[in-house]
């Protein structure tokens, strides 16, 4: 009976995972006056702040899909770091979505971009960004990002 219960629980857990929509997103960043800044965008579903994110395209890697979303949603272009910073789950239209988060070092900031009439883009400190996002998990990703990028920057300066 215990084995049957475990098998049922595993099947339920796997079905739950199948229902998750996999997305990828970026934390766009730049350095200004020696300080790291990140960009957030307003969500398409309302006025709250979030990171550029979207569905992983079938023909693209999660990193490339995230870079595409950054361009479309925020007009930011740059280099995506290949290491995933973390992930978070949120609900939209009754479905759960898991977002893998990557860092995007911004090289160009476009004046015009595909969703500029739908979304706002704003640069801010990591602390301000963390205070503006609704998701506690995304807040953790932002805090982890700051530690990671500052550690990388210190190593580059020491080399």
Protein backbone atom coordinates (compact mmCIF):
# COMPACT_ATOMS: atom_id res chain seq x y z
CA UNK A 1 0.00 0.00 0.00
CA UNK A 2 2.84 2.41 0.83
CA UNK A 3 4.51 1.78 -2.57
CA UNK A 4 1.21 2.42 -4.36
CA UNK A 5 0.72 5.68 -2.44
CA UNK A 6 4.26 6.83 -3.30
CA UNK A 7 3.74 5.98 -6.96
CA UNK A 8 0.50 8.01 -6.97
CA UNK A 9 2.23 10.94 -5.23
CA UNK A 10 5.10 10.88 -7.75
CA UNK A 11 2.65 10.77 -10.66
CA UNK A 12 0.74 13.74 -9.21
CA UNK A 13 3.99 15.65 -8.74
CA UNK A 14 5.07 14.90 -12.33
CA UNK A 15 1.68 15.93 -13.71
CA UNK A 16 1.98 19.17 -11.74
CA UNK A 17 5.43 19.80 -13.29
CA UNK A 18 4.01 19.18 -16.77
CA UNK A 19 1.43 21.90 -16.12
CA UNK A 20 4.18 24.44 -15.40
CA UNK A 21 4.88 26.76 -18.29
CA UNK A 22 8.64 27.22 -18.60
CA UNK A 23 9.86 30.75 -19.20
CA UNK A 24 13.15 32.59 -19.07
CA UNK A 25 13.95 36.15 -18.14
CA UNK A 26 16.81 38.52 -17.49
CA UNK A 27 17.95 41.00 -14.94
CA UNK A 28 19.34 43.72 -17.22
CA UNK A 29 22.21 45.60 -15.57
CA UNK A 30 24.79 48.32 -16.11
CA UNK A 31 27.37 50.17 -14.06
CA UNK A 32 26.93 53.91 -13.46
CA UNK A 33 29.43 55.83 -11.35
CA UNK A 34 30.78 52.56 -9.98
CA UNK A 35 27.33 51.35 -8.87
CA UNK A 36 25.31 48.53 -10.37
CA UNK A 37 21.85 49.46 -11.67
CA UNK A 38 19.14 47.14 -12.95
CA UNK A 39 16.22 47.79 -15.26
CA UNK A 40 12.67 46.69 -14.56
CA UNK A 41 9.67 46.89 -16.86
CA UNK A 42 5.99 47.20 -16.10
CA UNK A 43 4.00 44.00 -16.54
CA UNK A 44 1.67 43.61 -19.51
CA UNK A 45 -1.12 42.71 -17.09
CA UNK A 46 -0.87 45.82 -14.94
CA UNK A 47 1.24 48.57 -13.45
CA UNK A 48 3.49 46.40 -11.27
CA UNK A 49 7.23 46.05 -11.93
CA UNK A 50 8.97 42.89 -13.10
CA UNK A 51 11.88 41.68 -15.22
CA UNK A 52 11.68 41.10 -18.99
CA UNK A 53 10.58 37.47 -19.42
CA UNK A 54 8.60 35.15 -21.64
CA UNK A 55 8.13 31.65 -23.00
CA UNK A 56 11.23 29.76 -24.04
CA UNK A 57 11.04 29.62 -27.84
CA UNK A 58 11.29 26.06 -29.24
CA UNK A 59 14.22 26.96 -31.50
CA UNK A 60 16.11 29.05 -28.90
CA UNK A 61 18.00 28.30 -25.70
CA UNK A 62 16.58 29.76 -22.46
CA UNK A 63 19.36 32.40 -22.55
CA UNK A 64 18.61 33.43 -26.15
CA UNK A 65 14.87 33.50 -25.46
CA UNK A 66 15.51 35.75 -22.46
CA UNK A 67 17.66 38.10 -24.58
CA UNK A 68 14.85 38.26 -27.17
CA UNK A 69 12.34 39.16 -24.45
CA UNK A 70 14.67 41.88 -23.12
CA UNK A 71 14.79 43.44 -26.58
CA UNK A 72 11.01 43.19 -27.14
CA UNK A 73 9.86 44.28 -23.67
CA UNK A 74 12.53 46.80 -22.67
CA UNK A 75 14.60 47.75 -25.71
CA UNK A 76 17.77 46.53 -23.99
CA UNK A 77 20.44 44.60 -25.88
CA UNK A 78 23.51 42.94 -24.44
CA UNK A 79 25.32 39.81 -23.39
CA UNK A 80 23.44 37.16 -21.40
CA UNK A 81 25.51 35.35 -18.81
CA UNK A 82 25.17 31.58 -19.41
CA UNK A 83 24.75 30.65 -15.74
CA UNK A 84 21.18 30.69 -14.43
CA UNK A 85 20.92 32.89 -11.32
CA UNK A 86 17.86 31.12 -10.01
CA UNK A 87 14.19 30.72 -10.76
CA UNK A 88 10.80 31.73 -9.44
CA UNK A 89 7.20 30.67 -9.95
CA UNK A 90 4.21 32.93 -10.53
CA UNK A 91 0.62 32.54 -11.66
CA UNK A 92 -0.92 34.20 -14.70
CA UNK A 93 -4.32 33.44 -16.22
CA UNK A 94 -4.79 30.49 -13.86
CA UNK A 95 -1.53 28.76 -14.93
CA UNK A 96 1.73 28.45 -13.05
CA UNK A 97 4.89 29.64 -14.79
CA UNK A 98 8.49 28.93 -13.75
CA UNK A 99 10.98 31.56 -14.86
CA UNK A 100 14.70 30.79 -15.13
CA UNK A 101 16.55 34.05 -14.50
CA UNK A 102 19.79 35.13 -16.20
CA UNK A 103 21.91 38.28 -15.99
CA UNK A 104 22.08 40.54 -19.05
CA UNK A 105 24.96 43.01 -19.24
CA UNK A 106 23.42 45.84 -21.25
CA UNK A 107 25.47 47.11 -24.19
CA UNK A 108 22.78 49.18 -25.94
CA UNK A 109 19.63 50.94 -24.77
CA UNK A 110 17.24 51.53 -27.66
CA UNK A 111 15.02 54.60 -27.85
CA UNK A 112 12.34 52.56 -29.65
CA UNK A 113 11.41 48.91 -29.10
CA UNK A 114 8.48 46.62 -30.00
CA UNK A 115 6.53 46.95 -26.71
CA UNK A 116 7.39 50.54 -25.84
CA UNK A 117 3.74 51.61 -26.03
CA UNK A 118 2.68 48.83 -23.62
CA UNK A 119 5.48 48.86 -21.03
CA UNK A 120 7.61 51.33 -19.13
CA UNK A 121 11.32 50.74 -18.49
CA UNK A 122 13.16 52.19 -15.52
CA UNK A 123 16.72 51.94 -14.18
CA UNK A 124 17.16 51.71 -10.41
CA UNK A 125 19.34 50.26 -7.69
CA UNK A 126 19.07 46.56 -6.93
CA UNK A 127 17.60 47.42 -3.51
CA UNK A 128 14.89 49.59 -5.07
CA UNK A 129 14.13 46.88 -7.65
CA UNK A 130 13.82 44.27 -4.90
CA UNK A 131 11.36 46.50 -3.06
CA UNK A 132 9.22 47.04 -6.18
CA UNK A 133 8.68 43.46 -7.37
CA UNK A 134 5.73 41.47 -6.02
CA UNK A 135 7.35 38.03 -5.97
CA UNK A 136 9.46 37.16 -2.92
CA UNK A 137 11.30 34.58 -5.05
CA UNK A 138 12.16 37.22 -7.68
CA UNK A 139 13.31 39.47 -4.84
CA UNK A 140 15.73 36.69 -3.79
CA UNK A 141 16.96 36.36 -7.39
CA UNK A 142 17.72 40.10 -7.42
CA UNK A 143 19.63 39.89 -4.15
CA UNK A 144 21.60 36.84 -5.37
CA UNK A 145 22.29 38.69 -8.62
CA UNK A 146 23.87 41.60 -6.75
CA UNK A 147 26.20 39.31 -4.82
CA UNK A 148 27.17 37.45 -8.02
CA UNK A 149 27.81 40.51 -10.17
CA UNK A 150 29.78 42.33 -7.47
CA UNK A 151 31.94 39.24 -6.88
CA UNK A 152 32.58 38.97 -10.65
CA UNK A 153 33.42 42.70 -10.83
CA UNK A 154 35.89 42.44 -7.92
CA UNK A 155 37.64 39.52 -9.63
CA UNK A 156 37.89 41.48 -12.90
CA UNK A 157 39.40 44.49 -11.11
CA UNK A 158 41.91 42.30 -9.25
CA UNK A 159 43.10 40.60 -12.47
